Amino acid sequence: MSRRLACIAVLCAAAALVPAAVVADGNHERELSVLFIGNSFTQFHQLERLVRRLADNDPGAPRIHTHTETRPGCTLRRHWIGRRAVTEIRRGGYTHVVLQDHSLRPLDRPEEMVAYARRFDEEIERAGARTVLYSTWARRPGSGFYAHSMQERVDHVYVDLAQELDAELAPVGGAFLEAQSSLPEVPLRGRDGFHPTLAGSYLAACVLFRALTGRSPEGNPYVPWGLEPDIAHGLSQLAASDAANE
């Protein structure tokens, strides 16, 4: 089996194991409180707001409250050294913490990424929350820092890390890859070749919504302002498919 096929198989298995939100207090699903730690890939188009609005528009989903600790270009190492993210985790009250490292770290410094993800995971577990790994997408061929087989290499690091930490995996990069084949007319990256368009951020939000709640985003009536409803429907449908979690 090729390395890419092996990654795909593990990603599918990981997605299938994502649990639904825990139900508490009779028939009412508990609320989720989610801390997003990352950089511009999280900042663009207020990703956390998109996730929150998907939950607001799904009657069966738990309500989601969000907080962000983001800085452009920031790595998990820089977040750790800066201590603000660590302090926020220790403050407590979160059910999930989403970790998003710099998009190039799985390629140029995978050992650093893994080391600091482990440190964050220890703090997250100690605070009684759950780690969610936001696996990012490859840069567009021809853009700066594009690397051959980039998505395969990024996926490999995130899959191994999710298995090691027993963390949830939000395979956004896999969804981008699938969208390139099934929805080639929808631009997911901006002119620079790597920052997300609104469509790209919405697709990422759909994948994260599924990872956080265990619920399908397909058919969700929420459409961000500026995004065509048919495009939103196609992306939410794709994010709900097993193929998008490869």
Foldseek 3Di string as FASTA:
>chain_A
DDLLVVLLVLLLVLLVPQDAQDDDDPRAGEEAEEEEEEELLCVPPNLVVLLQVLQVQDPNFHHYHYDYDYYHPAALVNCVVVCPVLVVLLVADGAEYEHEGGLCCLPPPLVVNLVSVVVVLVSNVVRNHAYEYQQFAAFAPPAPPGDPPSLSSSSVSQSVSCVVSVGRYLNLRQLVVVCCVVVVVDAQDDPRRGHGDPLVSSLSSQSVSCSHRVDQSAPRPDDDPPDDPVSSNVSSVSSRDSSSSD
